[in-house]
Protein backbone atom coordinates (compact mmCIF):
# COMPACT_ATOMS: atom_id res chain seq x y z
CA UNK A 1 8.70 8.03 -5.47
CA UNK A 2 7.78 4.43 -4.81
CA UNK A 3 6.98 3.61 -8.43
CA UNK A 4 8.26 1.16 -11.00
CA UNK A 5 11.85 1.69 -11.97
CA UNK A 6 13.09 0.60 -15.40
CA UNK A 7 14.32 -2.79 -14.15
CA UNK A 8 10.93 -3.56 -12.63
CA UNK A 9 9.14 -2.35 -15.69
CA UNK A 10 11.20 -4.69 -17.85
CA UNK A 11 10.63 -7.64 -15.46
CA UNK A 12 6.93 -6.95 -15.34
CA UNK A 13 6.67 -6.75 -19.17
CA UNK A 14 8.40 -10.18 -19.40
CA UNK A 15 6.07 -11.65 -16.80
CA UNK A 16 3.06 -10.29 -18.62
CA UNK A 17 4.36 -11.85 -21.82
CA UNK A 18 4.40 -15.25 -20.11
CA UNK A 19 8.18 -15.54 -19.65
CA UNK A 20 8.65 -18.43 -17.16
CA UNK A 21 12.25 -17.46 -16.30
CA UNK A 22 11.21 -13.89 -15.58
CA UNK A 23 8.43 -15.20 -13.33
CA UNK A 24 10.98 -17.37 -11.50
CA UNK A 25 13.22 -14.31 -11.03
CA UNK A 26 10.20 -12.31 -9.84
CA UNK A 27 9.22 -14.94 -7.18
CA UNK A 28 12.93 -15.30 -6.10
CA UNK A 29 13.26 -11.57 -5.64
CA UNK A 30 10.18 -11.09 -3.41
CA UNK A 31 9.08 -14.25 -1.73
CA UNK A 32 11.54 -14.02 1.16
CA UNK A 33 10.43 -10.61 2.38
CA UNK A 34 6.73 -11.53 1.91
CA UNK A 35 7.23 -14.71 3.89
CA UNK A 36 8.97 -12.83 6.69
CA UNK A 37 6.03 -10.37 6.80
CA UNK A 38 3.43 -13.22 6.85
CA UNK A 39 5.30 -15.00 9.63
CA UNK A 40 5.21 -11.80 11.71
CA UNK A 41 1.40 -11.93 11.50
CA UNK A 42 0.63 -15.63 11.44
CA UNK A 43 2.14 -17.96 14.03
CA UNK A 44 1.53 -20.99 11.79
CA UNK A 45 4.43 -21.09 9.38
CA UNK A 46 2.51 -23.34 6.94
CA UNK A 47 -0.33 -20.78 6.92
CA UNK A 48 2.20 -18.07 6.24
CA UNK A 49 3.60 -19.97 3.25
CA UNK A 50 0.06 -20.55 1.97
CA UNK A 51 -0.88 -16.85 2.01
CA UNK A 52 2.34 -15.94 0.23
CA UNK A 53 1.68 -18.53 -2.41
CA UNK A 54 -1.84 -17.18 -2.80
CA UNK A 55 -0.40 -13.63 -3.03
CA UNK A 56 1.65 -14.56 -6.08
CA UNK A 57 -1.38 -16.17 -7.72
CA UNK A 58 -3.46 -13.03 -7.07
CA UNK A 59 -0.57 -10.91 -8.34
CA UNK A 60 -0.65 -12.78 -11.67
CA UNK A 61 -4.45 -12.65 -12.01
CA UNK A 62 -4.49 -8.95 -10.99
CA UNK A 63 -1.71 -7.66 -13.19
CA UNK A 64 -4.21 -6.23 -15.76
CA UNK A 65 -5.41 -3.82 -13.02
CA UNK A 66 -2.01 -2.79 -11.87
CA UNK A 67 -1.25 0.66 -13.28
CA UNK A 68 2.21 1.20 -11.71
CA UNK A 69 0.90 3.59 -9.06
CA UNK A 70 3.27 1.91 -6.55
CA UNK A 71 6.33 -0.27 -6.66
CA UNK A 72 6.14 -4.03 -7.18
CA UNK A 73 7.13 -4.70 -3.59
CA UNK A 74 4.35 -2.51 -2.28
CA UNK A 75 1.86 -4.03 -4.75
CA UNK A 76 2.66 -7.48 -3.36
CA UNK A 77 2.55 -6.36 0.25
CA UNK A 78 -0.88 -4.86 -0.28
CA UNK A 79 -2.25 -8.12 -1.68
CA UNK A 80 -0.61 -10.14 1.09
CA UNK A 81 -1.95 -7.93 3.85
CA UNK A 82 -5.47 -8.25 2.40
CA UNK A 83 -5.19 -12.10 2.50
CA UNK A 84 -3.85 -12.02 6.09
CA UNK A 85 -6.78 -9.78 7.12
CA UNK A 86 -9.18 -12.26 5.50
CA UNK A 87 -7.69 -15.01 7.56
CA UNK A 88 -7.70 -13.11 10.77
CA UNK A 89 -11.02 -11.33 10.74
CA UNK A 90 -11.94 -10.04 14.15
CA UNK A 91 -8.24 -9.89 15.29
CA UNK A 92 -6.38 -6.55 15.49
CA UNK A 93 -3.72 -6.17 12.83
CA UNK A 94 -1.74 -2.97 13.00
CA UNK A 95 0.01 -1.23 10.11
CA UNK A 96 2.62 0.26 12.43
CA UNK A 97 3.82 -0.57 15.92
CA UNK A 98 3.31 2.89 17.18
CA UNK A 99 -0.40 2.50 16.42
CA UNK A 100 -0.49 -0.27 19.06
CA UNK A 101 -0.30 2.50 21.67
CA UNK A 102 -1.60 5.53 19.67
CA UNK A 103 -4.57 3.76 18.25
CA UNK A 104 -5.81 3.26 14.70
CA UNK A 105 -9.03 4.53 13.09
CA UNK A 106 -8.90 2.17 10.11
CA UNK A 107 -10.30 -1.34 9.75
CA UNK A 108 -7.66 -3.80 10.95
CA UNK A 109 -5.15 -0.98 10.96
CA UNK A 110 -5.17 -0.92 7.12
CA UNK A 111 -6.35 2.10 5.14
CA UNK A 112 -8.75 1.40 2.28
CA UNK A 113 -6.53 3.30 -0.06
CA UNK A 114 -3.80 0.68 -0.12
CA UNK A 115 -6.37 -2.15 -0.55
CA UNK A 116 -8.23 -0.28 -3.23
CA UNK A 117 -5.07 0.03 -5.30
CA UNK A 118 -5.45 -3.67 -6.16
CA UNK A 119 -9.03 -4.41 -5.02
CA UNK A 120 -11.30 -1.47 -5.82
CA UNK A 121 -14.37 -3.40 -4.62
CA UNK A 122 -13.13 -3.17 -1.05
CA UNK A 123 -13.56 0.56 -0.58
CA UNK A 124 -13.68 3.88 -2.23
CA UNK A 125 -10.45 5.76 -1.69
CA UNK A 126 -9.88 9.25 -2.98
CA UNK A 127 -6.41 8.06 -4.01
CA UNK A 128 -7.76 5.14 -6.14
CA UNK A 129 -10.80 6.73 -7.67
CA UNK A 130 -10.94 7.09 -11.43
CA UNK A 131 -12.13 10.63 -11.24
CA UNK A 132 -9.67 12.36 -13.59
CA UNK A 133 -9.46 15.72 -11.72
CA UNK A 134 -9.18 14.04 -8.35
CA UNK A 135 -6.53 11.67 -9.69
CA UNK A 136 -4.43 14.59 -10.93
CA UNK A 137 -4.60 16.22 -7.56
CA UNK A 138 -3.67 12.95 -5.93
CA UNK A 139 -0.62 12.46 -8.13
CA UNK A 140 0.38 16.09 -7.60
CA UNK A 141 0.18 15.71 -3.77
CA UNK A 142 2.24 12.55 -3.97
CA UNK A 143 4.90 14.35 -6.06
CA UNK A 144 4.99 17.25 -3.59
CA UNK A 145 5.36 14.90 -0.62
CA UNK A 146 8.15 12.91 -2.25
CA UNK A 147 9.97 16.10 -3.12
CA UNK A 148 9.77 17.24 0.47
CA UNK A 149 11.13 13.96 1.83
CA UNK A 150 13.92 13.87 -0.79
CA UNK A 151 14.91 17.34 0.32
CA UNK A 152 15.14 16.21 3.98
CA UNK A 153 17.18 13.17 2.90
CA UNK A 154 19.59 15.26 0.85
CA UNK A 155 20.57 17.43 3.77
CA UNK A 156 20.21 15.01 5.62
CA UNK A 157 17.66 16.30 8.05
CA UNK A 158 16.66 13.17 10.04
CA UNK A 159 14.62 15.06 12.64
CA UNK A 160 12.35 16.42 9.94
CA UNK A 161 12.01 12.93 8.40
CA UNK A 162 11.02 11.50 11.80
CA UNK A 163 8.57 14.33 12.32
CA UNK A 164 6.88 13.82 8.94
CA UNK A 165 6.73 10.05 9.51
CA UNK A 166 5.10 10.45 12.85
CA UNK A 167 2.67 13.08 11.60
CA UNK A 168 1.63 11.60 8.26
CA UNK A 169 2.51 7.91 8.38
CA UNK A 170 1.44 7.16 11.96
CA UNK A 171 -1.06 9.98 12.36
CA UNK A 172 0.34 10.67 15.87
CA UNK A 173 -0.79 13.81 17.65
CA UNK A 174 1.65 16.74 18.13
CA UNK A 175 1.46 16.16 21.86
CA UNK A 176 2.54 12.52 21.55
CA UNK A 177 5.27 13.39 19.06
CA UNK A 178 6.61 16.10 21.31
CA UNK A 179 6.98 13.61 24.15
CA UNK A 180 8.59 10.98 21.92
CA UNK A 181 11.23 13.24 20.39
CA UNK A 182 11.63 15.51 23.46
CA UNK A 183 10.79 18.74 21.64
CA UNK A 184 8.20 21.40 22.46
CA UNK A 185 4.67 20.74 21.16
CA UNK A 186 4.43 24.16 19.51
CA UNK A 187 7.48 23.29 17.49
CA UNK A 188 5.72 20.18 16.19
CA UNK A 189 2.56 22.06 15.37
CA UNK A 190 4.56 24.78 13.60
CA UNK A 191 6.46 22.18 11.57
CA UNK A 192 3.25 20.49 10.55
CA UNK A 193 1.68 23.81 9.50
CA UNK A 194 4.66 24.65 7.33
CA UNK A 195 4.69 21.21 5.69
CA UNK A 196 1.00 21.27 4.89
CA UNK A 197 1.17 24.81 3.57
CA UNK A 198 4.15 23.93 1.31
CA UNK A 199 2.49 20.74 0.05
CA UNK A 200 -0.79 22.56 -0.77
CA UNK A 201 1.07 25.33 -2.59
CA UNK A 202 3.19 22.84 -4.57
CA UNK A 203 0.11 20.81 -5.41
CA UNK A 204 -1.64 23.82 -6.80
CA UNK A 205 1.47 24.63 -8.87
CA UNK A 206 1.65 21.10 -10.30
CA UNK A 207 -2.05 20.85 -11.10
CA UNK A 208 -2.11 24.28 -12.70
CA UNK A 209 -5.32 25.82 -14.13
CA UNK A 210 -7.32 22.69 -13.35
CA UNK A 211 -6.85 23.18 -9.62
CA UNK A 212 -10.22 24.37 -8.29
CA UNK A 213 -10.67 24.93 -4.59
CA UNK A 214 -14.46 25.15 -4.98
CA UNK A 215 -14.81 21.56 -6.20
CA UNK A 216 -14.50 19.29 -3.19
CA UNK A 217 -11.00 20.58 -2.35
CA UNK A 218 -8.92 17.77 -0.93
CA UNK A 219 -7.43 20.16 1.61
CA UNK A 220 -10.70 21.51 2.95
CA UNK A 221 -10.05 20.47 6.60
CA UNK A 222 -6.99 19.48 8.67
CA UNK A 223 -8.44 16.01 9.25
CA UNK A 224 -8.96 15.53 5.54
CA UNK A 225 -5.36 16.68 4.81
CA UNK A 226 -4.07 14.19 7.41
CA UNK A 227 -6.08 11.38 5.88
CA UNK A 228 -4.85 12.20 2.39
CA UNK A 229 -1.20 12.30 3.39
CA UNK A 230 -1.47 9.15 5.41
CA UNK A 231 -3.06 7.33 2.44
CA UNK A 232 -0.20 8.46 0.20
CA UNK A 233 2.46 7.46 2.72
CA UNK A 234 1.02 3.97 3.18
CA UNK A 235 0.68 3.53 -0.58
CA UNK A 236 3.97 5.10 -1.74
CA UNK A 237 6.25 4.77 1.32
CA UNK A 238 8.38 7.75 0.38
CA UNK A 239 10.65 7.59 3.50
CA UNK A 240 11.30 3.81 3.54
CA UNK A 241 15.08 3.08 3.34
CA UNK A 242 16.34 1.26 0.30
CA UNK A 243 16.91 -2.48 0.72
CA UNK A 244 20.70 -1.85 0.37
CA UNK A 245 20.50 0.58 3.25
CA UNK A 246 18.67 -1.93 5.34
CA UNK A 247 21.36 -4.49 4.48
CA UNK A 248 24.09 -2.06 5.61
CA UNK A 249 22.08 -1.56 8.83
CA UNK A 250 22.10 -5.31 9.46
CA UNK A 251 25.83 -5.47 8.81
CA UNK A 252 26.43 -2.43 11.05
CA UNK A 253 28.20 -0.41 8.36
CA UNK A 254 25.95 2.64 8.26
CA UNK A 255 27.12 6.07 9.38
CA UNK A 256 25.97 6.74 12.96
CA UNK A 257 23.27 9.27 11.94
CA UNK A 258 21.87 6.97 9.27
CA UNK A 259 22.01 4.00 11.67
CA UNK A 260 20.10 6.02 14.28
CA UNK A 261 17.43 6.97 11.71
CA UNK A 262 17.02 3.44 10.33
CA UNK A 263 16.81 2.11 13.89
CA UNK A 264 14.03 4.59 14.55
CA UNK A 265 12.21 3.63 11.37
CA UNK A 266 12.41 -0.08 12.19
CA UNK A 267 12.09 -0.23 15.98
CA UNK A 268 10.23 2.92 17.02
CA UNK A 269 8.10 3.74 14.01
CA UNK A 270 7.89 0.03 13.44
CA UNK A 271 7.50 -0.03 9.66
CA UNK A 272 6.29 -3.56 9.02
CA UNK A 273 7.46 -3.57 5.40
CA UNK A 274 11.03 -2.66 6.24
CA UNK A 275 11.08 -5.08 9.18
CA UNK A 276 9.99 -7.80 6.82
CA UNK A 277 12.88 -6.91 4.51
CA UNK A 278 15.38 -6.99 7.42
CA UNK A 279 14.12 -10.37 8.54
CA UNK A 280 14.52 -11.60 4.95
CA UNK A 281 18.05 -10.22 4.77
CA UNK A 282 18.96 -11.87 8.10
CA UNK A 283 17.42 -15.18 7.07
CA UNK A 284 18.99 -15.25 3.63
CA UNK A 285 21.58 -17.73 4.77
CA UNK A 286 18.95 -20.48 4.96
CA UNK A 287 19.25 -21.18 1.27
CA UNK A 288 17.76 -24.65 1.44
CA UNK A 289 14.43 -23.47 2.90
CA UNK A 290 14.31 -20.50 0.49
CA UNK A 291 14.82 -22.79 -2.54
CA UNK A 292 12.07 -25.19 -1.35
CA UNK A 293 9.55 -22.32 -0.93
CA UNK A 294 10.63 -20.77 -4.25
CA UNK A 295 9.95 -24.07 -6.08
CA UNK A 296 6.61 -24.56 -4.29
CA UNK A 297 5.47 -21.11 -5.32
CA UNK A 298 6.51 -21.63 -8.95
CA UNK A 299 4.67 -24.94 -9.22
CA UNK A 300 1.47 -23.45 -7.78
CA UNK A 301 1.50 -20.25 -9.89
CA UNK A 302 2.93 -21.21 -13.24
CA UNK A 303 -0.46 -22.21 -14.50
CA UNK A 304 -1.70 -18.67 -14.04
CA UNK A 305 1.13 -17.07 -15.92
CA UNK A 306 -0.57 -16.89 -19.32
CA UNK A 307 -4.09 -16.29 -18.00
C-alpha cells in the first residue's frame, strides 16, 4: 500500500521536530521528481520552480493535517497538482494520458479525493470524510485492492495488472480496453465483475460486523464502485512501479516482461507520477542545477520549519 514506510516515518518525525538536516534530506529526496512533474505541465521553467518551492512550504504548513493516508511522494504530488491547477485555471490538465482520448469527468482531470487528502475545503470526498464508519470501509476497500494487485504482481500476471489499471485508474470502458489490449470485450467485462465481487467480499470481511449494506452502501451501483476504486487508485497508486524498478527501466536492465509492463504504465497508461520520476532519474546527472534548486528551496522554506 502507498503509505509511510518506517524510513519515511522517521524522516517525517525529524522534520516535524524542526531538524534542519532532516528537512534538507527531505527536499533533496523529492524536489527533482516534483520539478520534472511541474515542467511537464508548465512551459515556463521559472514558474515550475516557483510552484515546487510553494509546494514544500505548503507541505510544512500542512503537516499537522497529514495522517499518513498516502506516501510522502503522493502527498507532495497532490499539493503540487493543486498549485498547478490554481495557476492554469481554465486549461485542461489531465491526470493520465489515456484520458486525453477517453475523456475525464473530473475538474481539470483531478479527482477531489486526492485534493481533499490535504485540502478538505476543496471538496467532499467519500475517501477523505471523517465519518468513522465510512472511513473504515474506505480503508478496507484500499486494503482489498492492494492485496489484489500484490497477488497479480507475485505471479506475475501483467495482463491482469493492465486490465485493473485501465478499468479503475483510467476509468476506461470495456469496449475501449478490449480494443487496446486486443482481447474480447466480454472477457474484460467478466474480469471486471470478478474483481469487483472479490473486492466487495473482502471489504465486508475486513470491516466485519460494522459492515451494513443498508447504510449508504459504497457499492450500491456500478458507477459508484468505479468512482470509489478510481479515487483509491489515484490516492494510493497501488500498481505504480518502485523507483528502483523505474531506474532499472531507464538503464534497460529489466526482464523483458517487466520492461513491457513498465513501458505500458509509462507510455500507454501515461502515469504522470512515474513519468516525473523517470525524468528525474534521467536528469540526475545535472548535479549543478539540482544543487542550486535544492539550496533555493531550503532558503525559502526553512523559516516555516518550526511553525
